[in-house]
PDB file of N, CA and C in Angstrom:
ATOM      1  N   MET A   1      48.166 -31.767 -34.384  1.00  0.00           N
ATOM      2  CA  MET A   1      47.503 -31.730 -35.668  1.00  0.00           C
ATOM      3  C   MET A   1      46.661 -30.396 -35.614  1.00  0.00           C
ATOM      4  N   LYS A   2      46.119 -30.191 -34.302  1.00  0.00           N
ATOM      5  CA  LYS A   2      45.061 -28.874 -34.364  1.00  0.00           C
ATOM      6  C   LYS A   2      45.960 -27.689 -34.709  1.00  0.00           C
ATOM      7  N   PHE A   3      47.196 -27.558 -34.133  1.00  0.00           N
ATOM      8  CA  PHE A   3      48.065 -26.371 -34.432  1.00  0.00           C
ATOM      9  C   PHE A   3      48.270 -26.324 -36.054  1.00  0.00           C
ATOM     10  N   MET A   4      48.454 -27.352 -36.727  1.00  0.00           N
ATOM     11  CA  MET A   4      48.682 -27.437 -38.131  1.00  0.00           C
ATOM     12  C   MET A   4      47.657 -26.809 -38.769  1.00  0.00           C
ATOM     13  N   THR A   5      46.359 -27.235 -38.400  1.00  0.00           N
ATOM     14  CA  THR A   5      45.176 -26.810 -39.088  1.00  0.00           C
ATOM     15  C   THR A   5      44.745 -25.219 -38.717  1.00  0.00           C
ATOM     16  N   VAL A   6      45.092 -24.983 -37.680  1.00  0.00           N
ATOM     17  CA  VAL A   6      45.001 -23.475 -37.421  1.00  0.00           C
ATOM     18  C   VAL A   6      46.054 -22.680 -38.142  1.00  0.00           C
ATOM     19  N   MET A   7      47.100 -23.098 -38.310  1.00  0.00           N
ATOM     20  CA  MET A   7      47.999 -22.166 -39.031  1.00  0.00           C
ATOM     21  C   MET A   7      47.775 -22.376 -40.565  1.00  0.00           C
ATOM     22  N   VAL A   8      47.333 -23.366 -41.082  1.00  0.00           N
ATOM     23  CA  VAL A   8      47.028 -23.517 -42.396  1.00  0.00           C
ATOM     24  C   VAL A   8      45.649 -22.463 -42.670  1.00  0.00           C
ATOM     25  N   ILE A   9      44.755 -22.492 -41.883  1.00  0.00           N
ATOM     26  CA  ILE A   9      43.624 -21.607 -41.996  1.00  0.00           C
ATOM     27  C   ILE A   9      44.121 -19.961 -41.872  1.00  0.00           C
ATOM     28  N   THR A  10      44.689 -19.819 -40.891  1.00  0.00           N
ATOM     29  CA  THR A  10      45.594 -18.535 -40.664  1.00  0.00           C
ATOM     30  C   THR A  10      46.065 -18.051 -41.941  1.00  0.00           C
ATOM     31  N   LEU A  11      46.982 -18.908 -42.548  1.00  0.00           N
ATOM     32  CA  LEU A  11      47.760 -18.539 -43.926  1.00  0.00           C
ATOM     33  C   LEU A  11      46.623 -18.195 -45.034  1.00  0.00           C
ATOM     34  N   VAL A  12      45.620 -18.907 -45.028  1.00  0.00           N
ATOM     35  CA  VAL A  12      44.464 -18.697 -46.026  1.00  0.00           C
ATOM     36  C   VAL A  12      43.865 -17.396 -45.714  1.00  0.00           C
ATOM     37  N   ILE A  13      43.531 -17.240 -44.720  1.00  0.00           N
ATOM     38  CA  ILE A  13      42.803 -15.861 -44.270  1.00  0.00           C
ATOM     39  C   ILE A  13      43.590 -14.766 -44.675  1.00  0.00           C
ATOM     40  N   VAL A  14      45.079 -14.854 -44.313  1.00  0.00           N
ATOM     41  CA  VAL A  14      45.986 -13.608 -44.357  1.00  0.00           C
ATOM     42  C   VAL A  14      46.207 -13.617 -45.955  1.00  0.00           C
ATOM     43  N   SER A  15      46.396 -14.581 -46.763  1.00  0.00           N
ATOM     44  CA  SER A  15      46.592 -14.458 -48.171  1.00  0.00           C
ATOM     45  C   SER A  15      45.308 -13.939 -48.827  1.00  0.00           C
ATOM     46  N   MET A  16      44.183 -14.154 -48.375  1.00  0.00           N
ATOM     47  CA  MET A  16      42.869 -13.558 -49.226  1.00  0.00           C
ATOM     48  C   MET A  16      42.736 -12.300 -48.682  1.00  0.00           C
ATOM     49  N   SER A  17      43.124 -11.797 -47.423  1.00  0.00           N
ATOM     50  CA  SER A  17      43.144 -10.336 -47.374  1.00  0.00           C
ATOM     51  C   SER A  17      44.054  -9.477 -47.699  1.00  0.00           C
ATOM     52  N   SER A  18      45.151  -9.875 -48.397  1.00  0.00           N
ATOM     53  CA  SER A  18      46.203  -9.197 -49.058  1.00  0.00           C
ATOM     54  C   SER A  18      45.700  -8.404 -50.124  1.00  0.00           C
ATOM     55  N   PRO A  19      46.187  -7.261 -50.232  1.00  0.00           N
ATOM     56  CA  PRO A  19      45.778  -6.297 -51.389  1.00  0.00           C
ATOM     57  C   PRO A  19      46.445  -6.876 -52.900  1.00  0.00           C
ATOM     58  N   ARG A  20      47.185  -7.903 -52.555  1.00  0.00           N
ATOM     59  CA  ARG A  20      47.903  -8.490 -53.954  1.00  0.00           C
ATOM     60  C   ARG A  20      46.756  -9.485 -54.471  1.00  0.00           C
ATOM     61  N   GLY A  21      46.972  -9.489 -55.743  1.00  0.00           N
ATOM     62  CA  GLY A  21      46.011 -10.323 -56.558  1.00  0.00           C
ATOM     63  C   GLY A  21      46.961 -11.722 -56.769  1.00  0.00           C
ATOM     64  N   PHE A  22      46.442 -12.695 -57.423  1.00  0.00           N
ATOM     65  CA  PHE A  22      47.132 -13.951 -57.522  1.00  0.00           C
ATOM     66  C   PHE A  22      48.634 -13.849 -58.278  1.00  0.00           C
ATOM     67  N   ASN A  23      48.530 -12.938 -59.181  1.00  0.00           N
ATOM     68  CA  ASN A  23      49.655 -12.530 -59.771  1.00  0.00           C
ATOM     69  C   ASN A  23      51.037 -11.742 -59.079  1.00  0.00           C
ATOM     70  N   GLY A  24      50.400 -11.359 -57.906  1.00  0.00           N
ATOM     71  CA  GLY A  24      51.484 -10.585 -57.049  1.00  0.00           C
ATOM     72  C   GLY A  24      51.467  -9.085 -57.186  1.00  0.00           C
ATOM     73  N   VAL A  25      50.477  -8.657 -58.177  1.00  0.00           N
ATOM     74  CA  VAL A  25      50.450  -7.101 -58.292  1.00  0.00           C
ATOM     75  C   VAL A  25      49.483  -6.436 -57.264  1.00  0.00           C
ATOM     76  N   VAL A  26      49.988  -5.398 -56.945  1.00  0.00           N
ATOM     77  CA  VAL A  26      48.824  -4.758 -56.011  1.00  0.00           C
ATOM     78  C   VAL A  26      47.562  -4.306 -56.710  1.00  0.00           C
ATOM     79  N   ALA A  27      46.607  -4.513 -56.186  1.00  0.00           N
ATOM     80  CA  ALA A  27      45.216  -4.101 -56.683  1.00  0.00           C
ATOM     81  C   ALA A  27      45.125  -2.564 -56.356  1.00  0.00           C
ATOM     82  N   GLN A  28      44.668  -1.897 -57.622  1.00  0.00           N
ATOM     83  CA  GLN A  28      44.442  -0.439 -57.549  1.00  0.00           C
ATOM     84  C   GLN A  28      42.943  -0.281 -57.146  1.00  0.00           C
ATOM     85  N   SER A  29      43.021   0.725 -56.037  1.00  0.00           N
ATOM     86  CA  SER A  29      41.511   1.130 -55.727  1.00  0.00           C
ATOM     87  C   SER A  29      41.321   2.379 -55.920  1.00  0.00           C
ATOM     88  N   CYS A  30      40.303   2.866 -56.865  1.00  0.00           N
ATOM     89  CA  CYS A  30      40.168   4.052 -57.390  1.00  0.00           C
ATOM     90  C   CYS A  30      39.005   4.731 -56.449  1.00  0.00           C
ATOM     91  N   VAL A  31      39.564   5.522 -55.606  1.00  0.00           N
ATOM     92  CA  VAL A  31      38.552   6.172 -54.790  1.00  0.00           C
ATOM     93  C   VAL A  31      38.608   7.623 -54.781  1.00  0.00           C
ATOM     94  N   PRO A  32      37.687   8.350 -55.492  1.00  0.00           N
ATOM     95  CA  PRO A  32      37.663   9.700 -55.783  1.00  0.00           C
ATOM     96  C   PRO A  32      37.714  10.621 -54.572  1.00  0.00           C
ATOM     97  N   THR A  33      37.176  10.111 -53.351  1.00  0.00           N
ATOM     98  CA  THR A  33      37.170  10.807 -52.184  1.00  0.00           C
ATOM     99  C   THR A  33      38.400  11.235 -51.497  1.00  0.00           C
ATOM    100  N   ASP A  34      39.541  10.189 -51.874  1.00  0.00           N
ATOM    101  CA  ASP A  34      40.819  10.059 -51.473  1.00  0.00           C
ATOM    102  C   ASP A  34      41.438  11.542 -51.898  1.00  0.00           C
ATOM    103  N   LEU A  35      40.891  12.060 -52.979  1.00  0.00           N
ATOM    104  CA  LEU A  35      41.471  13.300 -53.522  1.00  0.00           C
ATOM    105  C   LEU A  35      40.886  14.669 -53.203  1.00  0.00           C
ATOM    106  N   MET A  36      40.200  14.526 -52.010  1.00  0.00           N
ATOM    107  CA  MET A  36      39.748  15.837 -51.425  1.00  0.00           C
ATOM    108  C   MET A  36      40.742  16.565 -51.077  1.00  0.00           C
ATOM    109  N   SER A  37      41.944  16.306 -50.589  1.00  0.00           N
ATOM    110  CA  SER A  37      42.810  17.325 -50.371  1.00  0.00           C
ATOM    111  C   SER A  37      43.333  18.018 -51.426  1.00  0.00           C
ATOM    112  N   CYS A  38      43.094  17.537 -52.969  1.00  0.00           N
ATOM    113  CA  CYS A  38      43.383  18.328 -53.961  1.00  0.00           C
ATOM    114  C   CYS A  38      42.375  19.071 -54.430  1.00  0.00           C
ATOM    115  N   LEU A  39      41.173  19.450 -53.776  1.00  0.00           N
ATOM    116  CA  LEU A  39      40.150  19.978 -54.403  1.00  0.00           C
ATOM    117  C   LEU A  39      40.521  21.492 -54.493  1.00  0.00           C
ATOM    118  N   PRO A  40      41.191  22.169 -53.256  1.00  0.00           N
ATOM    119  CA  PRO A  40      41.468  23.312 -53.349  1.00  0.00           C
ATOM    120  C   PRO A  40      42.407  23.928 -54.387  1.00  0.00           C
ATOM    121  N   ALA A  41      43.288  23.074 -54.645  1.00  0.00           N
ATOM    122  CA  ALA A  41      44.120  23.375 -55.769  1.00  0.00           C
ATOM    123  C   ALA A  41      43.653  23.253 -57.202  1.00  0.00           C
ATOM    124  N   MET A  42      42.729  22.290 -57.297  1.00  0.00           N
ATOM    125  CA  MET A  42      42.143  22.099 -58.477  1.00  0.00           C
ATOM    126  C   MET A  42      40.960  23.125 -58.934  1.00  0.00           C
ATOM    127  N   ILE A  43      40.491  23.742 -57.915  1.00  0.00           N
ATOM    128  CA  ILE A  43      39.476  24.713 -58.054  1.00  0.00           C
ATOM    129  C   ILE A  43      40.050  26.047 -58.168  1.00  0.00           C
ATOM    130  N   SER A  44      40.998  26.229 -57.366  1.00  0.00           N
ATOM    131  CA  SER A  44      41.857  27.670 -57.350  1.00  0.00           C
ATOM    132  C   SER A  44      42.746  28.050 -58.219  1.00  0.00           C
ATOM    133  N   GLY A  45      43.477  26.713 -58.460  1.00  0.00           N
ATOM    134  CA  GLY A  45      44.799  26.782 -59.139  1.00  0.00           C
ATOM    135  C   GLY A  45      45.880  27.000 -58.327  1.00  0.00           C
ATOM    136  N   GLY A  46      45.702  27.056 -56.817  1.00  0.00           N
ATOM    137  CA  GLY A  46      46.842  27.304 -55.831  1.00  0.00           C
ATOM    138  C   GLY A  46      47.855  26.050 -55.901  1.00  0.00           C
ATOM    139  N   ALA A  47      48.665  26.201 -55.139  1.00  0.00           N
ATOM    140  CA  ALA A  47      49.627  25.224 -55.172  1.00  0.00           C
ATOM    141  C   ALA A  47      49.244  23.931 -54.517  1.00  0.00           C
ATOM    142  N   PRO A  48      49.287  22.936 -54.789  1.00  0.00           N
ATOM    143  CA  PRO A  48      48.822  21.449 -54.071  1.00  0.00           C
ATOM    144  C   PRO A  48      49.601  21.209 -52.883  1.00  0.00           C
ATOM    145  N   SER A  49      48.999  20.601 -51.945  1.00  0.00           N
ATOM    146  CA  SER A  49      49.626  20.124 -50.663  1.00  0.00           C
ATOM    147  C   SER A  49      50.666  18.900 -51.025  1.00  0.00           C
ATOM    148  N   THR A  50      51.386  18.571 -50.166  1.00  0.00           N
ATOM    149  CA  THR A  50      52.192  17.289 -50.236  1.00  0.00           C
ATOM    150  C   THR A  50      51.278  16.339 -50.215  1.00  0.00           C
ATOM    151  N   GLU A  51      50.265  16.167 -49.288  1.00  0.00           N
ATOM    152  CA  GLU A  51      49.301  15.108 -49.227  1.00  0.00           C
ATOM    153  C   GLU A  51      48.630  15.132 -50.589  1.00  0.00           C
ATOM    154  N   CYS A  52      48.111  15.931 -51.220  1.00  0.00           N
ATOM    155  CA  CYS A  52      47.508  15.948 -52.665  1.00  0.00           C
ATOM    156  C   CYS A  52      48.353  15.411 -53.475  1.00  0.00           C
ATOM    157  N   CYS A  53      49.580  15.620 -53.693  1.00  0.00           N
ATOM    158  CA  CYS A  53      50.487  15.230 -54.484  1.00  0.00           C
ATOM    159  C   CYS A  53      50.725  13.573 -54.133  1.00  0.00           C
ATOM    160  N   ASP A  54      50.746  13.338 -52.889  1.00  0.00           N
ATOM    161  CA  ASP A  54      51.024  11.805 -52.691  1.00  0.00           C
ATOM    162  C   ASP A  54      49.821  10.936 -53.174  1.00  0.00           C
ATOM    163  N   LYS A  55      48.530  11.660 -52.726  1.00  0.00           N
ATOM    164  CA  LYS A  55      47.333  10.831 -53.045  1.00  0.00           C
ATOM    165  C   LYS A  55      47.149  10.985 -54.726  1.00  0.00           C
ATOM    166  N   LEU A  56      47.444  11.970 -55.487  1.00  0.00           N
ATOM    167  CA  LEU A  56      47.542  11.741 -56.879  1.00  0.00           C
ATOM    168  C   LEU A  56      48.441  10.604 -57.450  1.00  0.00           C
ATOM    169  N   LYS A  57      49.471  10.689 -56.930  1.00  0.00           N
ATOM    170  CA  LYS A  57      50.776   9.652 -57.401  1.00  0.00           C
ATOM    171  C   LYS A  57      50.168   8.177 -57.167  1.00  0.00           C
ATOM    172  N   VAL A  58      49.284   7.934 -56.123  1.00  0.00           N
ATOM    173  CA  VAL A  58      48.758   6.641 -55.756  1.00  0.00           C
ATOM    174  C   VAL A  58      47.807   6.462 -56.873  1.00  0.00           C
ATOM    175  N   GLN A  59      46.799   7.371 -57.211  1.00  0.00           N
ATOM    176  CA  GLN A  59      45.774   7.338 -57.943  1.00  0.00           C
ATOM    177  C   GLN A  59      45.847   7.777 -59.282  1.00  0.00           C
ATOM    178  N   GLU A  60      47.154   7.882 -59.794  1.00  0.00           N
ATOM    179  CA  GLU A  60      47.583   8.243 -61.040  1.00  0.00           C
ATOM    180  C   GLU A  60      46.805   7.256 -62.383  1.00  0.00           C
ATOM    181  N   PRO A  61      46.904   5.846 -61.945  1.00  0.00           N
ATOM    182  CA  PRO A  61      46.391   5.012 -62.918  1.00  0.00           C
ATOM    183  C   PRO A  61      44.544   5.362 -63.140  1.00  0.00           C
ATOM    184  N   CYS A  62      44.199   5.876 -62.245  1.00  0.00           N
ATOM    185  CA  CYS A  62      42.620   6.241 -62.109  1.00  0.00           C
ATOM    186  C   CYS A  62      42.330   7.520 -62.977  1.00  0.00           C
ATOM    187  N   LEU A  63      43.131   8.130 -63.222  1.00  0.00           N
ATOM    188  CA  LEU A  63      42.790   9.433 -63.695  1.00  0.00           C
ATOM    189  C   LEU A  63      42.056   9.598 -65.147  1.00  0.00           C
ATOM    190  N   CYS A  64      42.351   8.412 -66.001  1.00  0.00           N
ATOM    191  CA  CYS A  64      41.522   8.430 -67.160  1.00  0.00           C
ATOM    192  C   CYS A  64      40.026   8.196 -66.737  1.00  0.00           C
ATOM    193  N   SER A  65      39.722   7.278 -65.806  1.00  0.00           N
ATOM    194  CA  SER A  65      38.363   6.853 -65.352  1.00  0.00           C
ATOM    195  C   SER A  65      37.822   8.129 -64.956  1.00  0.00           C
ATOM    196  N   TYR A  66      38.326   8.880 -64.126  1.00  0.00           N
ATOM    197  CA  TYR A  66      38.036   9.953 -63.537  1.00  0.00           C
ATOM    198  C   TYR A  66      37.589  11.030 -64.738  1.00  0.00           C
ATOM    199  N   ILE A  67      38.388  11.077 -65.592  1.00  0.00           N
ATOM    200  CA  ILE A  67      38.361  12.114 -66.769  1.00  0.00           C
ATOM    201  C   ILE A  67      36.891  11.670 -67.679  1.00  0.00           C
ATOM    202  N   LYS A  68      36.724  10.473 -67.861  1.00  0.00           N
ATOM    203  CA  LYS A  68      35.566   9.909 -68.599  1.00  0.00           C
ATOM    204  C   LYS A  68      34.359   9.878 -67.703  1.00  0.00           C
ATOM    205  N   ASN A  69      34.594  10.130 -66.272  1.00  0.00           N
ATOM    206  CA  ASN A  69      33.019  10.154 -65.298  1.00  0.00           C
ATOM    207  C   ASN A  69      32.668  11.488 -65.457  1.00  0.00           C
ATOM    208  N   PRO A  70      31.303  11.651 -65.990  1.00  0.00           N
ATOM    209  CA  PRO A  70      30.672  13.186 -65.926  1.00  0.00           C
ATOM    210  C   PRO A  70      30.713  13.680 -64.253  1.00  0.00           C
ATOM    211  N   MET A  71      30.815  12.940 -63.407  1.00  0.00           N
ATOM    212  CA  MET A  71      30.830  13.446 -62.040  1.00  0.00           C
ATOM    213  C   MET A  71      32.253  14.016 -61.627  1.00  0.00           C
ATOM    214  N   TYR A  72      33.125  13.756 -62.346  1.00  0.00           N
ATOM    215  CA  TYR A  72      34.536  14.075 -61.756  1.00  0.00           C
ATOM    216  C   TYR A  72      35.082  14.874 -63.134  1.00  0.00           C
ATOM    217  N   SER A  73      34.745  14.876 -64.296  1.00  0.00           N
ATOM    218  CA  SER A  73      35.547  15.327 -65.315  1.00  0.00           C
ATOM    219  C   SER A  73      35.760  16.863 -65.320  1.00  0.00           C
ATOM    220  N   SER A  74      34.871  17.491 -64.760  1.00  0.00           N
ATOM    221  CA  SER A  74      35.057  19.042 -64.811  1.00  0.00           C
ATOM    222  C   SER A  74      36.256  19.482 -63.901  1.00  0.00           C
ATOM    223  N   TYR A  75      36.497  18.443 -62.863  1.00  0.00           N
ATOM    224  CA  TYR A  75      37.506  18.800 -61.945  1.00  0.00           C
ATOM    225  C   TYR A  75      38.885  18.447 -62.290  1.00  0.00           C
ATOM    226  N   VAL A  76      38.909  17.244 -63.220  1.00  0.00           N
ATOM    227  CA  VAL A  76      39.936  16.441 -63.645  1.00  0.00           C
ATOM    228  C   VAL A  76      40.530  17.250 -64.749  1.00  0.00           C
ATOM    229  N   SER A  77      39.732  17.795 -65.571  1.00  0.00           N
ATOM    230  CA  SER A  77      39.891  18.312 -66.970  1.00  0.00           C
ATOM    231  C   SER A  77      40.097  19.613 -66.934  1.00  0.00           C
ATOM    232  N   SER A  78      40.098  20.361 -66.034  1.00  0.00           N
ATOM    233  CA  SER A  78      40.109  21.805 -66.051  1.00  0.00           C
ATOM    234  C   SER A  78      41.735  22.164 -66.026  1.00  0.00           C
ATOM    235  N   GLN A  79      41.795  23.405 -66.270  1.00  0.00           N
ATOM    236  CA  GLN A  79      43.126  24.216 -66.394  1.00  0.00           C
ATOM    237  C   GLN A  79      43.785  23.939 -65.124  1.00  0.00           C
ATOM    238  N   ASN A  80      43.276  24.217 -63.908  1.00  0.00           N
ATOM    239  CA  ASN A  80      43.643  24.193 -62.797  1.00  0.00           C
ATOM    240  C   ASN A  80      44.055  22.855 -62.383  1.00  0.00           C
ATOM    241  N   ALA A  81      43.540  21.624 -62.886  1.00  0.00           N
ATOM    242  CA  ALA A  81      43.836  20.372 -62.483  1.00  0.00           C
ATOM    243  C   ALA A  81      45.075  19.843 -63.410  1.00  0.00           C
ATOM    244  N   ARG A  82      45.117  20.675 -64.363  1.00  0.00           N
ATOM    245  CA  ARG A  82      46.587  20.352 -65.138  1.00  0.00           C
ATOM    246  C   ARG A  82      47.619  20.910 -64.463  1.00  0.00           C
ATOM    247  N   LYS A  83      47.386  22.181 -63.823  1.00  0.00           N
ATOM    248  CA  LYS A  83      48.408  22.869 -63.154  1.00  0.00           C
ATOM    249  C   LYS A  83      48.875  22.126 -61.998  1.00  0.00           C
ATOM    250  N   THR A  84      47.877  21.586 -61.246  1.00  0.00           N
ATOM    251  CA  THR A  84      48.132  20.690 -60.052  1.00  0.00           C
ATOM    252  C   THR A  84      48.987  19.269 -60.285  1.00  0.00           C
ATOM    253  N   LEU A  85      48.487  18.827 -61.511  1.00  0.00           N
ATOM    254  CA  LEU A  85      49.241  17.588 -61.921  1.00  0.00           C
ATOM    255  C   LEU A  85      50.747  17.987 -62.357  1.00  0.00           C
ATOM    256  N   THR A  86      50.822  19.086 -63.025  1.00  0.00           N
ATOM    257  CA  THR A  86      52.261  19.446 -63.186  1.00  0.00           C
ATOM    258  C   THR A  86      53.022  19.847 -61.957  1.00  0.00           C
ATOM    259  N   ALA A  87      52.385  20.556 -61.075  1.00  0.00           N
ATOM    260  CA  ALA A  87      53.035  20.778 -59.700  1.00  0.00           C
ATOM    261  C   ALA A  87      53.616  19.622 -59.238  1.00  0.00           C
ATOM    262  N   CYS A  88      52.749  18.345 -59.485  1.00  0.00           N
ATOM    263  CA  CYS A  88      53.072  17.362 -58.494  1.00  0.00           C
ATOM    264  C   CYS A  88      54.006  16.275 -59.298  1.00  0.00           C
ATOM    265  N   ASN A  89      54.366  16.849 -60.714  1.00  0.00           N
ATOM    266  CA  ASN A  89      55.388  15.981 -61.664  1.00  0.00           C
ATOM    267  C   ASN A  89      54.449  14.837 -61.758  1.00  0.00           C
ATOM    268  N   ILE A  90      53.320  14.920 -62.241  1.00  0.00           N
ATOM    269  CA  ILE A  90      52.418  13.936 -62.792  1.00  0.00           C
ATOM    270  C   ILE A  90      51.890  14.262 -64.325  1.00  0.00           C
ATOM    271  N   PRO A  91      52.295  13.464 -65.338  1.00  0.00           N
ATOM    272  CA  PRO A  91      51.687  13.952 -66.649  1.00  0.00           C
ATOM    273  C   PRO A  91      50.377  13.745 -66.643  1.00  0.00           C
ATOM    274  N   TYR A  92      49.862  14.693 -67.566  1.00  0.00           N
ATOM    275  CA  TYR A  92      48.300  14.450 -67.753  1.00  0.00           C
ATOM    276  C   TYR A  92      48.085  13.375 -68.663  1.00  0.00           C
ATOM    277  N   PRO A  93      47.206  12.554 -68.142  1.00  0.00           N
ATOM    278  CA  PRO A  93      46.911  11.161 -69.181  1.00  0.00           C
ATOM    279  C   PRO A  93      46.386  11.584 -70.475  1.00  0.00           C
ATOM    280  N   THR A  94      46.940  10.634 -71.362  1.00  0.00           N
ATOM    281  CA  THR A  94      46.337  10.492 -72.742  1.00  0.00           C
ATOM    282  C   THR A  94      45.234   9.689 -72.594  1.00  0.00           C
ATOM    283  N   CYS A  95      44.245   9.631 -72.494  1.00  0.00           N
ATOM    284  CA  CYS A  95      43.181   8.535 -72.449  1.00  0.00           C
ATOM    285  C   CYS A  95      42.473   8.062 -73.963  1.00  0.00           C
TER     286      CYS A  95
END
């Protein structure tokens, strides 16, 4: 009986710590600092790194919130940012 109780508690803890919501969709976490590897390309217009493109693809759903945020909009809305997105095959969002 104790074993079964421990297993149920473990199952509850694991399911609660999963990044998936109740509907099975992975929760999106918008963390602007994760895009630090993109800063050189977005400022200088140079070629983005593979790490930058990977991070942008993960955070693509967050781009509109970054564009609307005055702290980040100048970086994400710049011509160099558009070049970076194009180089990473990510369409510039229409917000």
